[in-house]
Amino acid sequence: MNVKMGPPDVGDPPAPTPTAPLPDLGDAPPPSSGAAPYAPSQGHVRVRLFGRTDVGRIREHNEDNFLIADLSRGQRGLMENIRTHVVGPSGTLFAVCDGMGGAAAGEVASKLAVDIIYEQMQAGGPPRHREELARRLVRAVEVAGMRIFAEAKLDRNRRGMGTTATAAALLDEYLFLAQVGDSRGYLLRGDKLELVTRDQSLVNQLIEAGQLTEEEAENFEHSNIILQALGTADTVQVDLTVVKLRHGDTLMMCSDGLSGMVRAEEIRQALLSSPEPIDVCKVLTDQANEAGGHDNITVIVAKFEGLPLPTPDDEPAKYRKYVFTTEESSAEQAAAAQAAAAARTVAVSAPTPLSSPVLSPEAQAALAGKLGATAVGLSAADFLHDPQAQPAAPVAGPASNPPAGVAAAMPATAAGGHPHAPQPAQNTDAEYLAAGIPASGPSWMWLVALLALGLVGVGIYIYLGKG
């Protein structure tokens, strides 16, 4: 079994040396409802964590990657001083990325994602306030998507490669989670486990549309289809959520190779079974393999200490979108969030029982067999046999280069985007340059270059003919 993991457990790591108190950034303006205050607190949050990835029992190579980093020290990995550390003024970073694209392309995409997210989060020094950390996190994921897309265009063998990304950044008691795809983040508080991310997948969209029950979703034929991924288009819509942590909370992040094989109750029991993250990671990985190990398996477990104790007045840990409160007005951000949520909602006249025909005849013909790998870009509207249904929009699917083997299996509207779906805004040349990607030149330059090449070719032909 091919397992990539950290150094062997050598007992409890030594207690970290206390650091200086975090700087007082002064009073901050009161946030709008649902938003976190700006200035960091004066407490010391202690994190004990571990991460593990496993190829599983079916796949030949591992396309998953994960990231654990202490941004204040500028270190990443599973060294002892990172496995147990006090969160500094720059915060702590976690990420799970599940690559796709076949051959080595998926592994390349997920490795690029974790490297770029770390690079972007490390730049700029400590954030002035939590909201700046949240903005950096979103931008880091966006930049990763842009760069992976650019890399895929440069190498024909990597066309269509992509990766999911679930990235979390912690500063004091506020944990921000940025989501693209269907890797997941769970939070255990007390003995209750909650999913704090939202899958960007076809099956989840069908559940939210009332077309599928949780029980039916477990055996749904197209559960491998996600709505967007980093690298399949030059823009992505990052879903940002926030959790206010409490002492004793446990974060578990994983790829769908774990969440798709191990039930939520089994995950909860595993998290409760041991206080040591390294032991929990092994238990969960083993359970996913015992259930079949159909995909690569990646898991991060982090336990938080030094936080306020839970009180009866605390909101339960749950999926909660974060609305920015600086630089742009709260009202504008709230309106934008509501509009985006409305656009993602699938418009259906009435729920259709799963036992009745859900797929259109064209979709049934195109998707006669279950896809063997993750596909990107379909929405519930492409599947629902309902003329009133509209696609979730805007989504970032593989508008030009779907993953190898997927385009032939997808309906035409799915492979190239629904004909009536709003397209995501394209990045400008300035944004590409800021992300470290050379911007393309004006189109007339390409025409001139082609014309020059043509003239050279004609000249060579005439010269050879005379000779």
Protein backbone atom coordinates (compact mmCIF):
# COMPACT_ATOMS: atom_id res chain seq x y z
CA MET A 1 0.00 0.00 0.00
CA ASN A 2 1.46 3.28 -1.09
CA VAL A 3 1.08 5.71 1.77
CA LYS A 4 2.58 9.18 1.99
CA MET A 5 2.61 10.49 5.49
CA GLY A 6 4.76 12.27 8.05
CA PRO A 7 7.43 10.90 10.35
CA PRO A 8 6.54 8.04 12.70
CA ASP A 9 4.88 8.87 15.96
CA VAL A 10 7.46 9.22 18.69
CA GLY A 11 5.15 10.10 21.53
CA ASP A 12 3.65 13.39 22.55
CA PRO A 13 5.51 16.33 21.02
CA PRO A 14 7.16 18.74 23.46
CA ALA A 15 5.14 21.70 24.62
CA PRO A 16 5.84 24.75 22.45
CA THR A 17 7.71 27.70 23.87
CA PRO A 18 5.21 30.50 24.61
CA THR A 19 5.40 33.31 22.11
CA ALA A 20 4.94 37.00 22.72
CA PRO A 21 1.34 38.22 22.95
CA LEU A 22 -0.30 39.07 19.66
CA PRO A 23 -0.28 42.81 18.93
CA ASP A 24 -3.32 44.85 19.87
CA LEU A 25 -4.67 46.29 16.64
CA GLY A 26 -7.09 48.61 18.36
CA ASP A 27 -10.83 48.76 18.33
CA ALA A 28 -12.46 47.66 15.11
CA PRO A 29 -15.77 48.79 13.66
CA PRO A 30 -18.66 46.52 14.58
CA PRO A 31 -19.20 43.86 11.92
CA SER A 32 -22.46 43.20 10.15
CA SER A 33 -24.50 40.16 11.09
CA GLY A 34 -22.59 36.94 10.52
CA ALA A 35 -19.19 38.60 10.10
CA ALA A 36 -16.21 38.26 12.41
CA PRO A 37 -14.62 41.18 14.27
CA TYR A 38 -11.40 42.48 12.75
CA ALA A 39 -8.70 42.66 15.41
CA PRO A 40 -7.04 39.45 16.63
CA SER A 41 -7.59 38.49 20.23
CA GLN A 42 -4.83 38.28 22.83
CA GLY A 43 -5.18 34.55 23.47
CA HIS A 44 -2.83 31.77 22.39
CA VAL A 45 -4.56 29.16 20.24
CA ARG A 46 -2.72 25.83 20.32
CA VAL A 47 -3.15 23.39 17.44
CA ARG A 48 -2.37 19.68 17.44
CA LEU A 49 -2.65 18.16 13.99
CA PHE A 50 -1.66 15.53 11.48
CA GLY A 51 -2.28 14.73 7.82
CA ARG A 52 -2.15 11.54 5.76
CA THR A 53 -2.72 10.55 2.14
CA ASP A 54 -3.11 7.07 0.68
CA VAL A 55 -3.39 5.82 -2.91
CA GLY A 56 -6.34 3.54 -2.04
CA ARG A 57 -6.92 0.07 -3.46
CA ILE A 58 -7.99 0.80 -7.04
CA ARG A 59 -5.98 3.71 -8.41
CA GLU A 60 -2.44 3.18 -9.67
CA HIS A 61 -1.09 6.50 -8.46
CA ASN A 62 -2.06 9.20 -5.99
CA GLU A 63 -3.49 12.44 -7.40
CA ASP A 64 -4.28 13.94 -3.97
CA ASN A 65 -2.11 16.46 -2.13
CA PHE A 66 -2.48 18.23 1.19
CA LEU A 67 -0.94 21.24 2.89
CA ILE A 68 -0.30 22.06 6.54
CA ALA A 69 1.59 25.29 7.26
CA ASP A 70 2.48 27.63 10.11
CA LEU A 71 2.41 30.93 8.23
CA SER A 72 3.99 32.86 11.11
CA ARG A 73 7.13 30.70 10.98
CA GLY A 74 7.02 30.33 7.22
CA GLN A 75 7.12 26.55 7.50
CA ARG A 76 5.04 23.75 6.00
CA GLY A 77 4.96 20.00 6.41
CA LEU A 78 4.64 17.57 9.32
CA MET A 79 7.67 18.39 11.43
CA GLU A 80 7.18 18.20 15.18
CA ASN A 81 7.13 21.99 15.59
CA ILE A 82 4.24 22.22 13.11
CA ARG A 83 2.31 19.18 14.35
CA THR A 84 1.91 21.05 17.63
CA HIS A 85 2.19 24.83 17.54
CA VAL A 86 0.72 28.07 18.78
CA VAL A 87 -1.05 30.09 16.09
CA GLY A 88 0.98 33.24 15.44
CA PRO A 89 0.01 36.61 13.94
CA SER A 90 0.07 35.28 10.36
CA GLY A 91 -2.20 32.34 11.10
CA THR A 92 -2.22 28.64 10.25
CA LEU A 93 -3.14 27.12 6.88
CA PHE A 94 -4.62 23.75 5.87
CA ALA A 95 -5.62 22.50 2.41
CA VAL A 96 -6.79 19.30 0.72
CA CYS A 97 -6.67 19.06 -3.08
CA ASP A 98 -7.98 16.15 -5.15
CA GLY A 99 -6.53 16.18 -8.67
CA MET A 100 -8.09 14.91 -11.88
CA GLY A 101 -7.07 14.62 -15.50
CA GLY A 102 -5.50 11.21 -15.89
CA ALA A 103 -1.87 10.06 -16.10
CA ALA A 104 0.21 12.41 -13.95
CA ALA A 105 -1.87 15.50 -14.76
CA GLY A 106 -4.10 15.27 -11.69
CA GLU A 107 -1.11 14.95 -9.41
CA VAL A 108 0.49 17.95 -11.11
CA ALA A 109 -2.67 20.05 -10.67
CA SER A 110 -3.11 19.24 -6.98
CA LYS A 111 0.60 19.81 -6.27
CA LEU A 112 0.48 23.17 -8.07
CA ALA A 113 -2.60 24.11 -6.06
CA VAL A 114 -1.09 23.49 -2.63
CA ASP A 115 2.18 25.17 -3.61
CA ILE A 116 0.52 28.27 -5.04
CA ILE A 117 -1.95 28.63 -2.18
CA TYR A 118 0.93 28.46 0.31
CA GLU A 119 3.01 30.92 -1.72
CA GLN A 120 0.15 33.41 -1.93
CA MET A 121 -0.78 33.13 1.74
CA GLN A 122 2.84 33.49 2.83
CA ALA A 123 3.37 36.73 0.91
CA GLY A 124 2.66 40.12 2.42
CA GLY A 125 3.45 39.57 6.09
CA PRO A 126 0.93 39.28 8.93
CA PRO A 127 -2.60 40.37 7.98
CA ARG A 128 -3.83 43.58 9.60
CA HIS A 129 -7.08 41.91 10.56
CA ARG A 130 -8.99 38.69 10.05
CA GLU A 131 -10.84 39.97 7.02
CA GLU A 132 -7.55 40.54 5.22
CA LEU A 133 -6.66 36.91 5.93
CA ALA A 134 -10.00 35.83 4.46
CA ARG A 135 -9.45 37.92 1.33
CA ARG A 136 -5.97 36.48 0.90
CA LEU A 137 -7.38 32.98 1.16
CA VAL A 138 -9.96 33.57 -1.56
CA ARG A 139 -7.43 35.26 -3.81
CA ALA A 140 -4.89 32.47 -3.24
CA VAL A 141 -7.39 29.89 -4.47
CA GLU A 142 -8.32 32.07 -7.45
CA VAL A 143 -4.67 32.55 -8.43
CA ALA A 144 -4.07 28.80 -8.14
CA GLY A 145 -6.91 28.21 -10.59
CA MET A 146 -5.52 30.76 -13.04
CA ARG A 147 -2.02 29.31 -12.99
CA ILE A 148 -3.15 25.70 -13.34
CA PHE A 149 -5.33 26.70 -16.28
CA ALA A 150 -2.33 28.45 -17.89
CA GLU A 151 -0.10 25.41 -17.30
CA ALA A 152 -2.68 23.13 -18.89
CA LYS A 153 -2.82 25.30 -22.01
CA LEU A 154 0.97 25.15 -22.41
CA ASP A 155 1.23 21.34 -22.25
CA ARG A 156 -1.01 19.23 -24.52
CA ASN A 157 -0.52 16.22 -22.26
CA ARG A 158 -2.08 18.11 -19.38
CA ARG A 159 -5.06 19.60 -21.17
CA GLY A 160 -8.12 19.33 -18.96
CA MET A 161 -6.23 18.73 -15.73
CA GLY A 162 -7.81 20.20 -12.63
CA THR A 163 -8.17 19.82 -8.91
CA THR A 164 -10.60 20.44 -6.11
CA ALA A 165 -9.47 22.71 -3.29
CA THR A 166 -10.70 22.96 0.26
CA ALA A 167 -8.42 25.43 2.05
CA ALA A 168 -8.77 26.67 5.63
CA ALA A 169 -6.98 29.57 7.34
CA LEU A 170 -7.07 30.09 11.10
CA LEU A 171 -6.41 33.31 13.02
CA ASP A 172 -7.41 33.30 16.69
CA GLU A 173 -10.81 31.65 17.05
CA TYR A 174 -11.95 32.33 13.48
CA LEU A 175 -11.53 29.60 10.88
CA PHE A 176 -12.19 30.55 7.25
CA LEU A 177 -12.79 27.82 4.67
CA ALA A 178 -12.53 28.39 0.91
CA GLN A 179 -14.18 25.73 -1.23
CA VAL A 180 -13.96 24.73 -4.90
CA GLY A 181 -15.19 21.24 -5.78
CA ASP A 182 -16.23 18.44 -3.43
CA SER A 183 -13.44 17.87 -0.93
CA ARG A 184 -14.85 18.58 2.52
CA GLY A 185 -14.40 20.18 5.91
CA TYR A 186 -16.13 18.81 9.05
CA LEU A 187 -16.11 20.20 12.57
CA LEU A 188 -16.61 18.09 15.70
CA ARG A 189 -17.86 20.08 18.72
CA GLY A 190 -18.56 17.98 21.76
CA ASP A 191 -20.03 14.81 20.33
CA LYS A 192 -21.74 16.48 17.37
CA LEU A 193 -20.23 16.44 13.87
CA GLU A 194 -21.21 19.09 11.30
CA LEU A 195 -20.28 19.54 7.65
CA VAL A 196 -19.05 23.15 7.38
CA THR A 197 -18.42 23.20 3.62
CA ARG A 198 -20.84 22.80 0.73
CA ASP A 199 -20.08 20.33 -2.07
CA GLN A 200 -20.01 21.95 -5.50
CA SER A 201 -21.25 18.76 -7.11
CA LEU A 202 -24.09 17.56 -9.27
CA VAL A 203 -25.42 15.22 -6.60
CA ASN A 204 -25.52 17.99 -3.97
CA GLN A 205 -27.28 20.31 -6.41
CA LEU A 206 -29.91 17.65 -7.08
CA ILE A 207 -30.42 17.16 -3.34
CA GLU A 208 -30.88 20.89 -2.81
CA ALA A 209 -33.29 21.01 -5.76
CA GLY A 210 -35.43 18.30 -4.16
CA GLN A 211 -34.68 15.82 -6.94
CA LEU A 212 -32.69 13.42 -4.81
CA THR A 213 -32.79 12.25 -1.20
CA GLU A 214 -29.71 11.66 0.94
CA GLU A 215 -30.34 7.90 0.78
CA GLU A 216 -30.76 7.90 -3.01
CA ALA A 217 -27.61 10.00 -3.38
CA GLU A 218 -25.47 7.20 -1.93
CA ASN A 219 -26.12 5.06 -5.03
CA PHE A 220 -26.49 7.87 -7.57
CA GLU A 221 -24.79 6.90 -10.82
CA HIS A 222 -23.16 10.28 -11.48
CA SER A 223 -21.90 11.14 -8.01
CA ASN A 224 -18.44 11.78 -9.47
CA ILE A 225 -19.49 14.94 -11.35
CA ILE A 226 -18.50 18.29 -9.83
CA LEU A 227 -19.55 21.74 -10.99
CA GLN A 228 -16.15 23.40 -11.05
CA ALA A 229 -12.49 22.79 -10.30
CA LEU A 230 -9.25 24.73 -10.29
CA GLY A 231 -7.62 24.66 -13.72
CA THR A 232 -10.58 23.78 -15.94
CA ALA A 233 -11.33 27.47 -16.60
CA ASP A 234 -9.45 30.68 -15.91
CA THR A 235 -11.90 31.79 -13.22
CA VAL A 236 -13.60 30.04 -10.32
CA GLN A 237 -16.24 31.01 -7.79
CA VAL A 238 -14.81 30.41 -4.34
CA ASP A 239 -17.33 29.59 -1.63
CA LEU A 240 -16.06 31.22 1.58
CA THR A 241 -17.42 30.17 4.97
CA VAL A 242 -16.47 30.93 8.57
CA VAL A 243 -16.58 29.02 11.85
CA LYS A 244 -16.03 30.56 15.28
CA LEU A 245 -14.01 27.90 17.10
CA ARG A 246 -14.27 26.83 20.71
CA HIS A 247 -11.88 24.98 23.02
CA GLY A 248 -11.88 21.27 22.19
CA ASP A 249 -13.18 21.64 18.62
CA THR A 250 -11.74 19.26 16.01
CA LEU A 251 -11.44 20.03 12.30
CA MET A 252 -11.38 17.17 9.80
CA MET A 253 -10.70 17.92 6.12
CA CYS A 254 -10.71 15.19 3.48
CA SER A 255 -10.97 14.32 -0.17
CA ASP A 256 -14.02 12.47 -1.48
CA GLY A 257 -12.01 9.26 -1.40
CA LEU A 258 -12.76 9.30 2.33
CA SER A 259 -16.13 11.06 2.57
CA GLY A 260 -17.49 8.92 -0.28
CA MET A 261 -16.53 5.68 1.45
CA VAL A 262 -17.00 6.39 5.16
CA ARG A 263 -20.34 7.50 6.59
CA ALA A 264 -20.61 10.64 8.69
CA GLU A 265 -21.41 8.62 11.82
CA GLU A 266 -18.28 6.53 11.34
CA ILE A 267 -16.25 9.72 10.91
CA ARG A 268 -17.73 11.07 14.14
CA GLN A 269 -16.90 7.90 16.05
CA ALA A 270 -13.32 7.90 14.71
CA LEU A 271 -12.80 11.53 15.78
CA LEU A 272 -14.09 10.68 19.24
CA SER A 273 -12.03 7.50 19.51
CA SER A 274 -8.62 9.07 20.14
CA PRO A 275 -7.19 12.41 21.29
CA GLU A 276 -4.24 12.02 18.93
CA PRO A 277 -4.69 13.33 15.35
CA ILE A 278 -2.13 10.85 13.98
CA ASP A 279 -4.20 7.93 15.29
CA VAL A 280 -7.45 9.35 13.91
CA CYS A 281 -5.90 9.86 10.47
CA LYS A 282 -4.83 6.21 10.38
CA VAL A 283 -8.24 4.95 11.55
CA LEU A 284 -10.11 6.96 8.90
CA THR A 285 -7.72 5.96 6.10
CA ASP A 286 -8.03 2.30 7.06
CA GLN A 287 -11.83 2.54 7.14
CA ALA A 288 -11.93 4.05 3.65
CA ASN A 289 -9.69 1.25 2.35
CA GLU A 290 -11.74 -1.42 4.08
CA ALA A 291 -14.86 0.01 2.43
CA GLY A 292 -13.26 -0.51 -0.98
CA GLY A 293 -10.63 2.22 -1.36
CA HIS A 294 -12.08 3.22 -4.72
CA ASP A 295 -10.22 6.53 -4.82
CA ASN A 296 -7.19 8.24 -3.33
CA ILE A 297 -7.74 9.03 0.35
CA THR A 298 -6.51 12.20 2.07
CA VAL A 299 -7.31 13.47 5.55
CA ILE A 300 -6.19 16.26 7.90
CA VAL A 301 -7.21 16.27 11.57
CA ALA A 302 -6.59 19.35 13.75
CA LYS A 303 -7.58 19.78 17.40
CA PHE A 304 -7.80 23.29 18.89
CA GLU A 305 -6.99 24.32 22.46
CA GLY A 306 -6.63 27.61 24.32
CA LEU A 307 -9.95 28.95 23.03
CA PRO A 308 -13.03 30.08 24.98
CA LEU A 309 -15.07 27.22 26.33
CA PRO A 310 -18.42 26.56 24.62
CA THR A 311 -21.40 28.31 26.21
CA PRO A 312 -25.14 27.79 25.76
CA ASP A 313 -25.28 31.06 23.83
CA ASP A 314 -22.85 29.87 21.14
CA GLU A 315 -24.22 29.23 17.69
CA PRO A 316 -23.78 25.60 16.67
CA ALA A 317 -20.97 24.84 14.26
CA LYS A 318 -22.53 24.81 10.80
CA TYR A 319 -22.11 25.90 7.18
CA ARG A 320 -22.19 29.71 7.25
CA LYS A 321 -21.18 31.96 4.38
CA TYR A 322 -18.86 34.84 5.19
CA VAL A 323 -19.75 38.34 4.00
CA PHE A 324 -16.92 40.83 3.75
CA THR A 325 -17.40 44.10 5.64
CA THR A 326 -14.46 46.24 4.49
CA GLU A 327 -13.47 47.89 1.20
CA GLU A 328 -16.98 47.37 -0.11
CA SER A 329 -20.20 48.14 1.70
CA SER A 330 -21.90 45.37 3.63
CA ALA A 331 -25.15 46.03 1.79
CA GLU A 332 -23.49 45.57 -1.61
CA GLN A 333 -21.75 42.40 -0.50
CA ALA A 334 -24.93 40.97 1.00
CA ALA A 335 -26.85 41.74 -2.21
CA ALA A 336 -24.12 40.10 -4.29
CA ALA A 337 -24.14 37.03 -2.06
CA GLN A 338 -27.91 36.74 -2.32
CA ALA A 339 -27.77 37.14 -6.11
CA ALA A 340 -25.08 34.47 -6.38
CA ALA A 341 -27.09 32.11 -4.18
CA ALA A 342 -30.19 32.72 -6.28
CA ALA A 343 -28.22 32.06 -9.48
CA ARG A 344 -26.98 28.74 -8.11
CA THR A 345 -30.47 27.56 -7.24
CA VAL A 346 -31.88 25.20 -9.81
CA ALA A 347 -35.28 26.41 -11.02
CA VAL A 348 -37.67 23.47 -11.09
CA SER A 349 -41.46 23.63 -11.34
CA ALA A 350 -41.96 20.60 -9.07
CA PRO A 351 -39.69 17.94 -7.62
CA THR A 352 -39.47 14.86 -9.82
CA PRO A 353 -39.27 11.51 -8.02
CA LEU A 354 -36.03 9.71 -8.77
CA SER A 355 -38.00 6.67 -9.89
CA SER A 356 -39.42 8.68 -12.81
CA PRO A 357 -37.18 9.64 -15.78
CA VAL A 358 -34.82 12.31 -14.47
CA LEU A 359 -32.47 12.46 -17.45
CA SER A 360 -33.45 13.74 -20.85
CA PRO A 361 -33.21 11.13 -23.65
CA GLU A 362 -30.05 12.83 -24.94
CA ALA A 363 -28.43 12.79 -21.50
CA GLN A 364 -29.41 9.15 -21.00
CA ALA A 365 -27.79 8.21 -24.29
CA ALA A 366 -24.64 10.24 -23.60
CA LEU A 367 -24.25 9.00 -20.04
CA ALA A 368 -25.20 5.36 -20.50
CA GLY A 369 -22.21 4.16 -18.50
CA LYS A 370 -20.88 5.44 -15.20
CA LEU A 371 -17.87 7.67 -15.62
CA GLY A 372 -14.74 6.19 -14.10
CA ALA A 373 -13.19 9.47 -13.01
CA THR A 374 -14.27 12.85 -11.73
CA ALA A 375 -15.88 15.03 -14.39
CA VAL A 376 -16.38 18.78 -14.24
CA GLY A 377 -18.95 21.15 -15.61
CA LEU A 378 -22.40 19.57 -15.57
CA SER A 379 -25.27 21.11 -13.63
CA ALA A 380 -28.56 19.68 -12.43
CA ALA A 381 -30.43 21.50 -15.19
CA ASP A 382 -28.57 19.39 -17.77
CA PHE A 383 -30.04 16.28 -16.13
CA LEU A 384 -33.55 17.28 -15.07
CA HIS A 385 -36.25 16.35 -17.57
CA ASP A 386 -37.93 19.73 -17.14
CA PRO A 387 -38.17 22.47 -19.82
CA GLN A 388 -38.33 25.13 -17.09
CA ALA A 389 -35.08 24.04 -15.48
CA GLN A 390 -32.17 26.45 -15.75
CA PRO A 391 -28.53 25.60 -15.15
CA ALA A 392 -26.71 26.73 -12.05
CA ALA A 393 -24.89 29.86 -13.13
CA PRO A 394 -22.30 31.03 -13.36
CA VAL A 395 -20.10 27.96 -12.96
CA ALA A 396 -16.59 27.37 -14.13
CA GLY A 397 -16.63 24.20 -16.17
CA PRO A 398 -14.14 23.06 -18.80
CA ALA A 399 -15.41 25.46 -21.44
CA SER A 400 -12.79 24.52 -23.98
CA ASN A 401 -10.87 21.49 -22.73
CA PRO A 402 -12.82 18.97 -20.64
CA PRO A 403 -10.80 16.19 -19.01
CA ALA A 404 -9.72 13.37 -21.28
CA GLY A 405 -12.49 10.85 -21.75
CA VAL A 406 -15.14 13.14 -20.32
CA ALA A 407 -16.13 15.26 -23.32
CA ALA A 408 -17.40 12.25 -25.26
CA ALA A 409 -19.52 11.18 -22.31
CA MET A 410 -21.08 14.58 -21.62
CA PRO A 411 -24.02 16.23 -23.39
CA ALA A 412 -22.95 18.95 -25.79
CA THR A 413 -24.35 21.68 -23.55
CA ALA A 414 -22.48 20.27 -20.59
CA ALA A 415 -19.09 19.94 -22.22
CA GLY A 416 -19.09 23.50 -23.49
CA GLY A 417 -21.34 25.21 -20.98
CA HIS A 418 -25.13 25.54 -21.21
CA PRO A 419 -26.05 27.76 -24.22
CA HIS A 420 -28.06 30.09 -21.99
CA ALA A 421 -25.80 30.07 -18.96
CA PRO A 422 -24.02 33.32 -18.07
CA GLN A 423 -20.31 32.90 -18.57
CA PRO A 424 -17.83 33.78 -15.81
CA ALA A 425 -15.97 37.04 -16.23
CA GLN A 426 -12.58 36.66 -17.88
CA ASN A 427 -9.46 37.80 -16.11
CA THR A 428 -7.74 40.87 -17.51
CA ASP A 429 -4.11 40.92 -18.67
CA ALA A 430 -3.25 42.92 -15.54
CA GLU A 431 -4.72 40.17 -13.34
CA TYR A 432 -2.77 37.52 -15.21
CA LEU A 433 0.46 39.49 -14.76
CA ALA A 434 -0.30 39.95 -11.04
CA ALA A 435 -0.72 36.19 -10.76
CA GLY A 436 2.60 35.59 -12.47
CA ILE A 437 1.10 34.47 -15.81
CA PRO A 438 2.36 36.15 -19.01
CA ALA A 439 -0.52 38.02 -20.61
CA SER A 440 -1.43 37.26 -24.21
CA GLY A 441 -0.63 39.89 -26.84
CA PRO A 442 -3.15 41.62 -29.13
CA SER A 443 -4.76 39.41 -31.76
CA TRP A 444 -3.27 41.43 -34.65
CA MET A 445 0.21 40.39 -33.51
CA TRP A 446 -0.69 36.76 -34.10
CA LEU A 447 -2.01 37.58 -37.58
CA VAL A 448 1.19 39.40 -38.47
CA ALA A 449 3.28 36.49 -37.18
CA LEU A 450 1.27 33.96 -39.19
CA LEU A 451 1.54 36.11 -42.33
CA ALA A 452 5.31 36.42 -41.87
CA LEU A 453 5.66 32.67 -41.48
CA GLY A 454 3.59 32.17 -44.60
CA LEU A 455 5.80 34.51 -46.64
CA VAL A 456 8.92 32.75 -45.39
CA GLY A 457 7.45 29.43 -46.44
CA VAL A 458 6.59 30.73 -49.92
CA GLY A 459 10.12 32.09 -50.29
CA ILE A 460 11.68 28.77 -49.35
CA TYR A 461 9.39 26.95 -51.79
CA ILE A 462 10.35 29.27 -54.68
CA TYR A 463 14.04 29.03 -53.82
CA LEU A 464 13.97 25.24 -53.75
CA GLY A 465 11.96 25.14 -56.97
CA LYS A 466 14.52 27.23 -58.82
CA GLY A 467 17.33 25.13 -57.45
